[in-house]
Amino acid sequence: MIPDDLLRGVSRSFYLSLRVLPAELRPQIGLAYLLARASDTVADTKAVPRPRRLELLGAMRQGDFRPVAELARGQALPAERRLLESLDACAAELAALAPGDRGLVVSLLDTIVSGQIFDLERFPGESERELTALSDDAELDRYAYLVAGCVGEFWTRMCAAHLPAFAALDQEEMLRLGTRLGKGLQLVNILRDMAGDLRIGRCYLPASEPRRLLDPGNFAEVRELYGRWLDAALGHLDAGWAYVLRLPPRLWRVRLACIWPIWIGLGTIALLRRANPLDPSQRVVVPQWRVNVMLGQSWLCARSDRLLGLAYRRLRRP
């Protein structure tokens, strides 16, 4: 069994959601997270050249995790180094899953890795001198699906496979809403991290002159575009909230696991509306005390649609 401290080391926020899930879901979803997190480390590492990273991602996509271990020594963060060193154990856990669960994890990893390969090929540079922007809205929407929207699908299918009360819901509708929730969370990350991404050659917004965005003083030029994508992220989170409210109260653990990232996403959007996202000195993050308040409040109202609705409206308002 994969140790909890490995999961906690590579994601403090997701670890909270994982721990509150029903026990029958934790091993599969935890393993899927670790494999996706490892592929993300491969995509982002500077320990080997880009062509080698693409080769390693291709190997992971084919189910071969062994070559990735060569990157472990080059990782500055101990948690990421340990993760890459643990991929043999992850592979053993994957092989031991029931066939249906294994198929869902393998399909998810295939989609996520295809998104990371797209990212590396679409943005060939490593610095602001080689800055490239996505070409249109459809390209950004597709990318958001590949690296996060598919997680909402996976989550929904895994819950339906193991929780009879979830399986009784309209699965087509839950898949649609779950996909939008994943996309919304990814868009929040993209919009929050824009300044840093620009400086490693990546502009995820389809801006016509991305190099001008390196100057925070030029934010007015993309304010409308940026605001439109903030609205899009908010719309996706609204769909995610509909996902939460379709869950029966007895699935309160699954509700909580979805509520927390949505509420933190709402808080992040509120902060971004008052920030200059092109300024690398402005680190937009929801304060820990506010996160703690959200966590406490969610425990109190997770079983009540009325109380959840009141809390959501209060968080969502400008």
C-alpha atoms as a PDB file:
ATOM      1  CA  MET A   1       0.000   0.000   0.000  1.00  0.00           C
ATOM      2  CA  ILE A   2       1.219   3.506  -0.884  1.00  0.00           C
ATOM      3  CA  PRO A   3       2.013   5.429   2.347  1.00  0.00           C
ATOM      4  CA  ASP A   4      -0.116   8.446   3.239  1.00  0.00           C
ATOM      5  CA  ASP A   5       2.929  10.646   3.806  1.00  0.00           C
ATOM      6  CA  LEU A   6       3.883  10.278   0.135  1.00  0.00           C
ATOM      7  CA  LEU A   7       0.517  11.690  -0.929  1.00  0.00           C
ATOM      8  CA  ARG A   8       0.664  14.380   1.734  1.00  0.00           C
ATOM      9  CA  GLY A   9       4.142  15.408   0.607  1.00  0.00           C
ATOM     10  CA  VAL A  10       3.192  16.086  -3.015  1.00  0.00           C
ATOM     11  CA  SER A  11      -0.197  17.704  -2.427  1.00  0.00           C
ATOM     12  CA  ARG A  12      -1.421  19.161   0.810  1.00  0.00           C
ATOM     13  CA  SER A  13      -4.706  20.442  -0.661  1.00  0.00           C
ATOM     14  CA  PHE A  14      -5.690  17.307  -2.584  1.00  0.00           C
ATOM     15  CA  TYR A  15      -4.677  15.189   0.390  1.00  0.00           C
ATOM     16  CA  LEU A  16      -7.498  16.770   2.392  1.00  0.00           C
ATOM     17  CA  SER A  17     -10.066  15.771  -0.238  1.00  0.00           C
ATOM     18  CA  LEU A  18      -8.594  12.292  -0.511  1.00  0.00           C
ATOM     19  CA  ARG A  19      -8.707  11.684   3.237  1.00  0.00           C
ATOM     20  CA  VAL A  20     -12.388  12.593   3.503  1.00  0.00           C
ATOM     21  CA  LEU A  21     -13.481  10.289   0.663  1.00  0.00           C
ATOM     22  CA  PRO A  22     -15.167   6.963   1.452  1.00  0.00           C
ATOM     23  CA  ALA A  23     -12.560   4.268   2.073  1.00  0.00           C
ATOM     24  CA  GLU A  24     -13.548   2.282  -1.016  1.00  0.00           C
ATOM     25  CA  LEU A  25     -12.405   5.148  -3.268  1.00  0.00           C
ATOM     26  CA  ARG A  26      -9.155   6.268  -1.648  1.00  0.00           C
ATOM     27  CA  PRO A  27      -6.680   3.709  -3.049  1.00  0.00           C
ATOM     28  CA  GLN A  28      -7.706   4.152  -6.698  1.00  0.00           C
ATOM     29  CA  ILE A  29      -8.033   7.936  -6.638  1.00  0.00           C
ATOM     30  CA  GLY A  30      -4.868   8.354  -4.575  1.00  0.00           C
ATOM     31  CA  LEU A  31      -2.906   6.180  -6.993  1.00  0.00           C
ATOM     32  CA  ALA A  32      -4.291   8.058  -9.991  1.00  0.00           C
ATOM     33  CA  TYR A  33      -3.208  11.334  -8.411  1.00  0.00           C
ATOM     34  CA  LEU A  34       0.330  10.092  -7.777  1.00  0.00           C
ATOM     35  CA  LEU A  35       0.763   8.870 -11.366  1.00  0.00           C
ATOM     36  CA  ALA A  36      -0.586  12.132 -12.770  1.00  0.00           C
ATOM     37  CA  ARG A  37       1.638  14.119 -10.401  1.00  0.00           C
ATOM     38  CA  ALA A  38       4.665  12.081 -11.504  1.00  0.00           C
ATOM     39  CA  SER A  39       3.935  12.767 -15.165  1.00  0.00           C
ATOM     40  CA  ASP A  40       3.629  16.473 -14.360  1.00  0.00           C
ATOM     41  CA  THR A  41       7.051  16.347 -12.699  1.00  0.00           C
ATOM     42  CA  VAL A  42       8.481  14.708 -15.827  1.00  0.00           C
ATOM     43  CA  ALA A  43       6.948  17.396 -18.046  1.00  0.00           C
ATOM     44  CA  ASP A  44       8.288  20.270 -15.919  1.00  0.00           C
ATOM     45  CA  THR A  45      11.735  19.024 -14.921  1.00  0.00           C
ATOM     46  CA  LYS A  46      14.852  20.716 -16.262  1.00  0.00           C
ATOM     47  CA  ALA A  47      17.015  17.737 -15.289  1.00  0.00           C
ATOM     48  CA  VAL A  48      16.897  16.361 -18.851  1.00  0.00           C
ATOM     49  CA  PRO A  49      16.353  18.020 -22.258  1.00  0.00           C
ATOM     50  CA  ARG A  50      12.860  18.437 -23.699  1.00  0.00           C
ATOM     51  CA  PRO A  51      13.176  15.559 -26.233  1.00  0.00           C
ATOM     52  CA  ARG A  52      13.988  13.160 -23.403  1.00  0.00           C
ATOM     53  CA  ARG A  53      11.046  14.417 -21.386  1.00  0.00           C
ATOM     54  CA  LEU A  54       8.780  13.683 -24.349  1.00  0.00           C
ATOM     55  CA  GLU A  55      10.237  10.178 -24.594  1.00  0.00           C
ATOM     56  CA  LEU A  56       9.637   9.552 -20.891  1.00  0.00           C
ATOM     57  CA  LEU A  57       6.060  10.812 -21.119  1.00  0.00           C
ATOM     58  CA  GLY A  58       5.509   8.514 -24.082  1.00  0.00           C
ATOM     59  CA  ALA A  59       6.801   5.600 -22.018  1.00  0.00           C
ATOM     60  CA  MET A  60       4.449   6.470 -19.154  1.00  0.00           C
ATOM     61  CA  ARG A  61       1.581   6.662 -21.606  1.00  0.00           C
ATOM     62  CA  GLN A  62       2.404   3.085 -22.617  1.00  0.00           C
ATOM     63  CA  GLY A  63       2.475   1.959 -18.983  1.00  0.00           C
ATOM     64  CA  ASP A  64       6.268   1.813 -18.595  1.00  0.00           C
ATOM     65  CA  PHE A  65       7.271   3.846 -15.537  1.00  0.00           C
ATOM     66  CA  ARG A  66      10.768   2.398 -15.049  1.00  0.00           C
ATOM     67  CA  PRO A  67      12.728   4.930 -17.171  1.00  0.00           C
ATOM     68  CA  VAL A  68      11.290   7.826 -15.144  1.00  0.00           C
ATOM     69  CA  ALA A  69      13.361   6.784 -12.119  1.00  0.00           C
ATOM     70  CA  GLU A  70      16.431   8.300 -13.815  1.00  0.00           C
ATOM     71  CA  LEU A  71      15.021  11.751 -13.031  1.00  0.00           C
ATOM     72  CA  ALA A  72      14.759  11.214  -9.285  1.00  0.00           C
ATOM     73  CA  ARG A  73      18.273  12.424  -8.447  1.00  0.00           C
ATOM     74  CA  GLY A  74      17.708  15.646 -10.392  1.00  0.00           C
ATOM     75  CA  GLN A  75      14.699  16.779  -8.357  1.00  0.00           C
ATOM     76  CA  ALA A  76      15.294  19.618  -5.921  1.00  0.00           C
ATOM     77  CA  LEU A  77      12.168  18.896  -3.863  1.00  0.00           C
ATOM     78  CA  PRO A  78      12.503  15.807  -1.643  1.00  0.00           C
ATOM     79  CA  ALA A  79       8.802  14.948  -2.068  1.00  0.00           C
ATOM     80  CA  GLU A  80       9.081  14.863  -5.857  1.00  0.00           C
ATOM     81  CA  ARG A  81      12.299  12.844  -5.669  1.00  0.00           C
ATOM     82  CA  ARG A  82      10.609  10.306  -3.419  1.00  0.00           C
ATOM     83  CA  LEU A  83       7.590  10.159  -5.729  1.00  0.00           C
ATOM     84  CA  LEU A  84       9.726   9.262  -8.745  1.00  0.00           C
ATOM     85  CA  GLU A  85      11.603   6.696  -6.667  1.00  0.00           C
ATOM     86  CA  SER A  86       8.256   5.135  -5.712  1.00  0.00           C
ATOM     87  CA  LEU A  87       6.940   4.527  -9.215  1.00  0.00           C
ATOM     88  CA  ASP A  88       7.737   0.809  -9.058  1.00  0.00           C
ATOM     89  CA  ALA A  89       5.437   0.558  -6.045  1.00  0.00           C
ATOM     90  CA  CYS A  90       2.803   2.597  -7.912  1.00  0.00           C
ATOM     91  CA  ALA A  91       3.058   0.243 -10.886  1.00  0.00           C
ATOM     92  CA  ALA A  92       2.526  -2.735  -8.555  1.00  0.00           C
ATOM     93  CA  GLU A  93      -0.508  -1.033  -7.006  1.00  0.00           C
ATOM     94  CA  LEU A  94      -1.907  -0.357 -10.466  1.00  0.00           C
ATOM     95  CA  ALA A  95      -1.473  -3.990 -11.521  1.00  0.00           C
ATOM     96  CA  ALA A  96      -3.264  -5.129  -8.353  1.00  0.00           C
ATOM     97  CA  LEU A  97      -6.400  -3.052  -8.981  1.00  0.00           C
ATOM     98  CA  ALA A  98      -9.586  -4.682 -10.178  1.00  0.00           C
ATOM     99  CA  PRO A  99      -9.736  -4.618 -14.011  1.00  0.00           C
ATOM    100  CA  GLY A 100     -12.429  -1.939 -14.160  1.00  0.00           C
ATOM    101  CA  ASP A 101     -10.610   0.373 -11.777  1.00  0.00           C
ATOM    102  CA  ARG A 102      -7.295  -0.241 -13.529  1.00  0.00           C
ATOM    103  CA  GLY A 103      -8.861   0.643 -16.862  1.00  0.00           C
ATOM    104  CA  LEU A 104     -10.155   3.946 -15.495  1.00  0.00           C
ATOM    105  CA  VAL A 105      -6.750   4.894 -14.032  1.00  0.00           C
ATOM    106  CA  VAL A 106      -4.903   3.935 -17.241  1.00  0.00           C
ATOM    107  CA  SER A 107      -7.362   5.914 -19.388  1.00  0.00           C
ATOM    108  CA  LEU A 108      -7.017   8.964 -17.154  1.00  0.00           C
ATOM    109  CA  LEU A 109      -3.215   8.840 -17.258  1.00  0.00           C
ATOM    110  CA  ASP A 110      -3.272   8.474 -21.046  1.00  0.00           C
ATOM    111  CA  THR A 111      -5.391  11.619 -21.404  1.00  0.00           C
ATOM    112  CA  ILE A 112      -3.397  13.692 -18.920  1.00  0.00           C
ATOM    113  CA  VAL A 113      -0.075  12.703 -20.480  1.00  0.00           C
ATOM    114  CA  SER A 114      -1.411  13.605 -23.917  1.00  0.00           C
ATOM    115  CA  GLY A 115      -2.155  17.067 -22.504  1.00  0.00           C
ATOM    116  CA  GLN A 116       1.363  17.378 -21.115  1.00  0.00           C
ATOM    117  CA  ILE A 117       2.842  16.310 -24.446  1.00  0.00           C
ATOM    118  CA  PHE A 118       0.660  18.930 -26.137  1.00  0.00           C
ATOM    119  CA  ASP A 119       1.953  21.506 -23.664  1.00  0.00           C
ATOM    120  CA  LEU A 120       5.615  20.686 -24.351  1.00  0.00           C
ATOM    121  CA  GLU A 121       5.141  20.672 -28.119  1.00  0.00           C
ATOM    122  CA  ARG A 122       2.915  23.749 -28.230  1.00  0.00           C
ATOM    123  CA  PHE A 123       5.319  25.813 -26.095  1.00  0.00           C
ATOM    124  CA  PRO A 124       8.804  24.963 -27.390  1.00  0.00           C
ATOM    125  CA  GLY A 125      10.680  27.575 -25.351  1.00  0.00           C
ATOM    126  CA  GLU A 126      11.869  27.683 -21.758  1.00  0.00           C
ATOM    127  CA  SER A 127      12.052  31.452 -21.196  1.00  0.00           C
ATOM    128  CA  GLU A 128      10.312  34.719 -21.995  1.00  0.00           C
ATOM    129  CA  ARG A 129      12.533  35.149 -25.052  1.00  0.00           C
ATOM    130  CA  GLU A 130      10.652  32.260 -26.699  1.00  0.00           C
ATOM    131  CA  LEU A 131       7.182  33.229 -25.485  1.00  0.00           C
ATOM    132  CA  THR A 132       4.298  31.613 -27.374  1.00  0.00           C
ATOM    133  CA  ALA A 133       0.529  32.000 -26.936  1.00  0.00           C
ATOM    134  CA  LEU A 134      -2.312  29.605 -27.581  1.00  0.00           C
ATOM    135  CA  SER A 135      -4.077  30.476 -30.804  1.00  0.00           C
ATOM    136  CA  ASP A 136      -7.744  30.626 -29.781  1.00  0.00           C
ATOM    137  CA  ASP A 137     -10.359  29.893 -27.125  1.00  0.00           C
ATOM    138  CA  ALA A 138     -10.942  26.373 -28.420  1.00  0.00           C
ATOM    139  CA  GLU A 139      -7.285  25.481 -27.907  1.00  0.00           C
ATOM    140  CA  LEU A 140      -7.372  26.644 -24.286  1.00  0.00           C
ATOM    141  CA  ASP A 141     -10.626  24.808 -23.646  1.00  0.00           C
ATOM    142  CA  ARG A 142      -9.166  21.610 -25.124  1.00  0.00           C
ATOM    143  CA  TYR A 143      -6.030  21.928 -23.000  1.00  0.00           C
ATOM    144  CA  ALA A 144      -8.123  22.465 -19.856  1.00  0.00           C
ATOM    145  CA  TYR A 145     -10.011  19.265 -20.645  1.00  0.00           C
ATOM    146  CA  LEU A 146      -6.882  17.201 -21.304  1.00  0.00           C
ATOM    147  CA  VAL A 147      -5.162  18.051 -18.031  1.00  0.00           C
ATOM    148  CA  ALA A 148      -8.129  18.535 -15.692  1.00  0.00           C
ATOM    149  CA  GLY A 149     -11.578  18.138 -17.234  1.00  0.00           C
ATOM    150  CA  CYS A 150     -10.826  14.453 -17.743  1.00  0.00           C
ATOM    151  CA  VAL A 151     -10.222  14.184 -13.986  1.00  0.00           C
ATOM    152  CA  GLY A 152     -13.859  15.128 -13.388  1.00  0.00           C
ATOM    153  CA  GLU A 153     -14.901  12.312 -15.715  1.00  0.00           C
ATOM    154  CA  PHE A 154     -12.608   9.840 -13.970  1.00  0.00           C
ATOM    155  CA  TRP A 155     -13.835  10.893 -10.535  1.00  0.00           C
ATOM    156  CA  THR A 156     -17.464  10.462 -11.613  1.00  0.00           C
ATOM    157  CA  ARG A 157     -16.944   7.031 -13.171  1.00  0.00           C
ATOM    158  CA  MET A 158     -14.984   5.800 -10.153  1.00  0.00           C
ATOM    159  CA  CYS A 159     -17.655   7.017  -7.716  1.00  0.00           C
ATOM    160  CA  ALA A 160     -20.392   5.370  -9.790  1.00  0.00           C
ATOM    161  CA  ALA A 161     -18.460   2.103  -9.826  1.00  0.00           C
ATOM    162  CA  HIS A 162     -18.184   1.919  -6.025  1.00  0.00           C
ATOM    163  CA  LEU A 163     -21.058   3.916  -4.512  1.00  0.00           C
ATOM    164  CA  PRO A 164     -24.595   2.649  -5.270  1.00  0.00           C
ATOM    165  CA  ALA A 165     -26.148   5.987  -4.268  1.00  0.00           C
ATOM    166  CA  PHE A 166     -23.918   7.733  -6.817  1.00  0.00           C
ATOM    167  CA  ALA A 167     -24.648   5.150  -9.519  1.00  0.00           C
ATOM    168  CA  ALA A 168     -28.364   5.942  -9.148  1.00  0.00           C
ATOM    169  CA  LEU A 169     -27.792   9.514 -10.384  1.00  0.00           C
ATOM    170  CA  ASP A 170     -28.042  10.654 -14.013  1.00  0.00           C
ATOM    171  CA  GLN A 171     -24.553   9.625 -15.109  1.00  0.00           C
ATOM    172  CA  GLU A 172     -24.552  11.583 -18.361  1.00  0.00           C
ATOM    173  CA  GLU A 173     -25.358  14.766 -16.477  1.00  0.00           C
ATOM    174  CA  MET A 174     -22.821  14.061 -13.738  1.00  0.00           C
ATOM    175  CA  LEU A 175     -20.095  13.418 -16.317  1.00  0.00           C
ATOM    176  CA  ARG A 176     -20.875  16.718 -18.014  1.00  0.00           C
ATOM    177  CA  LEU A 177     -20.841  18.671 -14.760  1.00  0.00           C
ATOM    178  CA  GLY A 178     -17.757  16.855 -13.452  1.00  0.00           C
ATOM    179  CA  THR A 179     -15.849  17.700 -16.616  1.00  0.00           C
ATOM    180  CA  ARG A 180     -16.742  21.363 -16.233  1.00  0.00           C
ATOM    181  CA  LEU A 181     -15.632  21.334 -12.594  1.00  0.00           C
ATOM    182  CA  GLY A 182     -12.205  20.032 -13.617  1.00  0.00           C
ATOM    183  CA  LYS A 183     -11.915  22.641 -16.350  1.00  0.00           C
ATOM    184  CA  GLY A 184     -12.882  25.415 -13.942  1.00  0.00           C
ATOM    185  CA  LEU A 185     -10.232  24.479 -11.400  1.00  0.00           C
ATOM    186  CA  GLN A 186      -7.597  24.328 -14.148  1.00  0.00           C
ATOM    187  CA  LEU A 187      -8.597  27.741 -15.505  1.00  0.00           C
ATOM    188  CA  VAL A 188      -8.273  29.226 -12.010  1.00  0.00           C
ATOM    189  CA  ASN A 189      -4.718  27.845 -11.837  1.00  0.00           C
ATOM    190  CA  ILE A 190      -3.865  29.188 -15.290  1.00  0.00           C
ATOM    191  CA  LEU A 191      -5.229  32.656 -14.528  1.00  0.00           C
ATOM    192  CA  ARG A 192      -3.496  32.755 -11.133  1.00  0.00           C
ATOM    193  CA  ASP A 193      -0.110  31.618 -12.467  1.00  0.00           C
ATOM    194  CA  MET A 194      -0.091  33.768 -15.592  1.00  0.00           C
ATOM    195  CA  ALA A 195       2.871  35.983 -14.691  1.00  0.00           C
ATOM    196  CA  GLY A 196       5.115  33.026 -13.880  1.00  0.00           C
ATOM    197  CA  ASP A 197       4.065  31.074 -16.964  1.00  0.00           C
ATOM    198  CA  LEU A 198       4.861  34.042 -19.224  1.00  0.00           C
ATOM    199  CA  ARG A 199       8.427  33.987 -17.955  1.00  0.00           C
ATOM    200  CA  ILE A 200       8.905  30.350 -18.938  1.00  0.00           C
ATOM    201  CA  GLY A 201       7.590  30.925 -22.458  1.00  0.00           C
ATOM    202  CA  ARG A 202       3.918  30.014 -21.999  1.00  0.00           C
ATOM    203  CA  CYS A 203       0.903  32.240 -22.561  1.00  0.00           C
ATOM    204  CA  TYR A 204      -2.240  30.164 -22.161  1.00  0.00           C
ATOM    205  CA  LEU A 205      -4.535  33.076 -22.983  1.00  0.00           C
ATOM    206  CA  PRO A 206      -4.978  33.516 -26.748  1.00  0.00           C
ATOM    207  CA  ALA A 207      -3.405  36.991 -26.764  1.00  0.00           C
ATOM    208  CA  SER A 208      -2.324  38.501 -30.092  1.00  0.00           C
ATOM    209  CA  GLU A 209       0.876  40.080 -28.717  1.00  0.00           C
ATOM    210  CA  PRO A 210       1.956  37.935 -25.757  1.00  0.00           C
ATOM    211  CA  ARG A 211       5.338  39.629 -25.336  1.00  0.00           C
ATOM    212  CA  ARG A 212       3.602  42.847 -24.298  1.00  0.00           C
ATOM    213  CA  LEU A 213       2.153  40.971 -21.312  1.00  0.00           C
ATOM    214  CA  LEU A 214       5.609  40.719 -19.768  1.00  0.00           C
ATOM    215  CA  ASP A 215       5.102  44.350 -18.725  1.00  0.00           C
ATOM    216  CA  PRO A 216       2.541  44.546 -15.887  1.00  0.00           C
ATOM    217  CA  GLY A 217       1.727  48.059 -17.030  1.00  0.00           C
ATOM    218  CA  ASN A 218       0.067  46.623 -20.140  1.00  0.00           C
ATOM    219  CA  PHE A 219      -2.630  44.735 -18.268  1.00  0.00           C
ATOM    220  CA  ALA A 220      -5.294  47.125 -19.575  1.00  0.00           C
ATOM    221  CA  GLU A 221      -4.731  45.648 -23.051  1.00  0.00           C
ATOM    222  CA  VAL A 222      -5.942  42.215 -21.964  1.00  0.00           C
ATOM    223  CA  ARG A 223      -8.214  43.136 -19.069  1.00  0.00           C
ATOM    224  CA  GLU A 224     -11.343  42.317 -21.079  1.00  0.00           C
ATOM    225  CA  LEU A 225      -9.918  38.994 -22.303  1.00  0.00           C
ATOM    226  CA  TYR A 226      -8.718  38.108 -18.813  1.00  0.00           C
ATOM    227  CA  GLY A 227     -12.062  39.018 -17.281  1.00  0.00           C
ATOM    228  CA  ARG A 228     -13.870  36.885 -19.841  1.00  0.00           C
ATOM    229  CA  TRP A 229     -11.830  33.853 -18.832  1.00  0.00           C
ATOM    230  CA  LEU A 230     -12.393  34.598 -15.149  1.00  0.00           C
ATOM    231  CA  ASP A 231     -16.105  34.545 -15.947  1.00  0.00           C
ATOM    232  CA  ALA A 232     -15.639  31.271 -17.817  1.00  0.00           C
ATOM    233  CA  ALA A 233     -13.862  29.752 -14.816  1.00  0.00           C
ATOM    234  CA  LEU A 234     -16.675  30.953 -12.556  1.00  0.00           C
ATOM    235  CA  GLY A 235     -19.264  29.425 -14.865  1.00  0.00           C
ATOM    236  CA  HIS A 236     -17.461  26.088 -14.719  1.00  0.00           C
ATOM    237  CA  LEU A 237     -17.338  26.261 -10.912  1.00  0.00           C
ATOM    238  CA  ASP A 238     -21.081  26.965 -10.906  1.00  0.00           C
ATOM    239  CA  ALA A 239     -21.506  23.728 -12.876  1.00  0.00           C
ATOM    240  CA  GLY A 240     -19.308  22.010 -10.307  1.00  0.00           C
ATOM    241  CA  TRP A 241     -21.576  23.348  -7.585  1.00  0.00           C
ATOM    242  CA  ALA A 242     -24.573  21.838  -9.387  1.00  0.00           C
ATOM    243  CA  TYR A 243     -22.592  18.568  -9.284  1.00  0.00           C
ATOM    244  CA  VAL A 244     -22.282  18.880  -5.501  1.00  0.00           C
ATOM    245  CA  LEU A 245     -25.984  19.569  -4.981  1.00  0.00           C
ATOM    246  CA  ARG A 246     -26.979  16.551  -7.077  1.00  0.00           C
ATOM    247  CA  LEU A 247     -25.158  14.323  -4.611  1.00  0.00           C
ATOM    248  CA  PRO A 248     -27.553  13.006  -1.956  1.00  0.00           C
ATOM    249  CA  PRO A 249     -26.737  14.206   1.587  1.00  0.00           C
ATOM    250  CA  ARG A 250     -25.726  10.694   2.630  1.00  0.00           C
ATOM    251  CA  LEU A 251     -22.759  11.078   0.254  1.00  0.00           C
ATOM    252  CA  TRP A 252     -21.546  13.924   2.431  1.00  0.00           C
ATOM    253  CA  ARG A 253     -17.945  12.733   2.234  1.00  0.00           C
ATOM    254  CA  VAL A 254     -17.927  13.030  -1.558  1.00  0.00           C
ATOM    255  CA  ARG A 255     -19.647  16.392  -1.209  1.00  0.00           C
ATOM    256  CA  LEU A 256     -16.892  17.692   1.056  1.00  0.00           C
ATOM    257  CA  ALA A 257     -14.151  16.435  -1.262  1.00  0.00           C
ATOM    258  CA  CYS A 258     -15.705  18.544  -4.051  1.00  0.00           C
ATOM    259  CA  ILE A 259     -16.744  21.530  -1.953  1.00  0.00           C
ATOM    260  CA  TRP A 260     -13.258  22.405  -0.736  1.00  0.00           C
ATOM    261  CA  PRO A 261     -11.557  22.993  -4.113  1.00  0.00           C
ATOM    262  CA  ILE A 262     -14.637  24.827  -5.414  1.00  0.00           C
ATOM    263  CA  TRP A 263     -14.753  27.215  -2.466  1.00  0.00           C
ATOM    264  CA  ILE A 264     -11.011  27.852  -2.603  1.00  0.00           C
ATOM    265  CA  GLY A 265     -11.394  28.456  -6.345  1.00  0.00           C
ATOM    266  CA  LEU A 266     -14.110  31.046  -5.678  1.00  0.00           C
ATOM    267  CA  GLY A 267     -11.866  32.779  -3.170  1.00  0.00           C
ATOM    268  CA  THR A 268      -9.016  32.823  -5.678  1.00  0.00           C
ATOM    269  CA  ILE A 269     -11.222  34.315  -8.405  1.00  0.00           C
ATOM    270  CA  ALA A 270     -12.347  37.077  -6.021  1.00  0.00           C
ATOM    271  CA  LEU A 271      -8.707  37.955  -5.312  1.00  0.00           C
ATOM    272  CA  LEU A 272      -7.763  37.847  -9.007  1.00  0.00           C
ATOM    273  CA  ARG A 273     -10.484  40.358  -9.872  1.00  0.00           C
ATOM    274  CA  ARG A 274      -8.655  42.880  -7.691  1.00  0.00           C
ATOM    275  CA  ALA A 275      -5.100  41.990  -8.735  1.00  0.00           C
ATOM    276  CA  ASN A 276      -2.790  42.630 -11.657  1.00  0.00           C
ATOM    277  CA  PRO A 277      -2.111  39.062 -12.839  1.00  0.00           C
ATOM    278  CA  LEU A 278       0.816  40.220 -14.996  1.00  0.00           C
ATOM    279  CA  ASP A 279       2.788  41.381 -11.966  1.00  0.00           C
ATOM    280  CA  PRO A 280       5.085  38.541 -10.809  1.00  0.00           C
ATOM    281  CA  SER A 281       5.495  40.192  -7.415  1.00  0.00           C
ATOM    282  CA  GLN A 282       1.812  39.695  -6.636  1.00  0.00           C
ATOM    283  CA  ARG A 283       1.277  36.151  -5.371  1.00  0.00           C
ATOM    284  CA  VAL A 284      -2.471  35.553  -5.289  1.00  0.00           C
ATOM    285  CA  VAL A 285      -3.367  32.932  -2.695  1.00  0.00           C
ATOM    286  CA  VAL A 286      -6.328  32.500  -0.374  1.00  0.00           C
ATOM    287  CA  PRO A 287      -5.014  33.086   3.186  1.00  0.00           C
ATOM    288  CA  GLN A 288      -4.811  29.979   5.349  1.00  0.00           C
ATOM    289  CA  TRP A 289      -7.166  31.465   7.930  1.00  0.00           C
ATOM    290  CA  ARG A 290      -9.851  31.823   5.253  1.00  0.00           C
ATOM    291  CA  VAL A 291      -9.270  28.256   4.117  1.00  0.00           C
ATOM    292  CA  ASN A 292      -9.668  27.101   7.703  1.00  0.00           C
ATOM    293  CA  VAL A 293     -12.957  29.010   7.994  1.00  0.00           C
ATOM    294  CA  MET A 294     -14.176  27.396   4.767  1.00  0.00           C
ATOM    295  CA  LEU A 295     -13.253  23.940   6.024  1.00  0.00           C
ATOM    296  CA  GLY A 296     -15.070  24.442   9.303  1.00  0.00           C
ATOM    297  CA  GLN A 297     -18.155  25.894   7.653  1.00  0.00           C
ATOM    298  CA  SER A 298     -18.355  23.082   5.123  1.00  0.00           C
ATOM    299  CA  TRP A 299     -18.383  20.421   7.851  1.00  0.00           C
ATOM    300  CA  LEU A 300     -21.353  22.167   9.475  1.00  0.00           C
ATOM    301  CA  CYS A 301     -23.501  22.432   6.352  1.00  0.00           C
ATOM    302  CA  ALA A 302     -22.428  19.517   4.109  1.00  0.00           C
ATOM    303  CA  ARG A 303     -25.696  17.627   4.679  1.00  0.00           C
ATOM    304  CA  SER A 304     -27.983  20.640   4.122  1.00  0.00           C
ATOM    305  CA  ASP A 305     -28.728  21.926   0.626  1.00  0.00           C
ATOM    306  CA  ARG A 306     -30.164  25.137   2.073  1.00  0.00           C
ATOM    307  CA  LEU A 307     -27.099  25.943   4.164  1.00  0.00           C
ATOM    308  CA  LEU A 308     -24.782  25.010   1.311  1.00  0.00           C
ATOM    309  CA  GLY A 309     -26.687  27.325  -1.014  1.00  0.00           C
ATOM    310  CA  LEU A 310     -26.398  30.226   1.422  1.00  0.00           C
ATOM    311  CA  ALA A 311     -22.666  29.658   1.850  1.00  0.00           C
ATOM    312  CA  TYR A 312     -22.063  29.388  -1.893  1.00  0.00           C
ATOM    313  CA  ARG A 313     -23.940  32.575  -2.709  1.00  0.00           C
ATOM    314  CA  ARG A 314     -21.976  34.457  -0.063  1.00  0.00           C
ATOM    315  CA  LEU A 315     -18.646  33.201  -1.440  1.00  0.00           C
ATOM    316  CA  ARG A 316     -19.597  33.805  -5.048  1.00  0.00           C
ATOM    317  CA  ARG A 317     -20.761  37.394  -4.819  1.00  0.00           C
ATOM    318  CA  PRO A 318     -18.261  40.057  -6.007  1.00  0.00           C
END
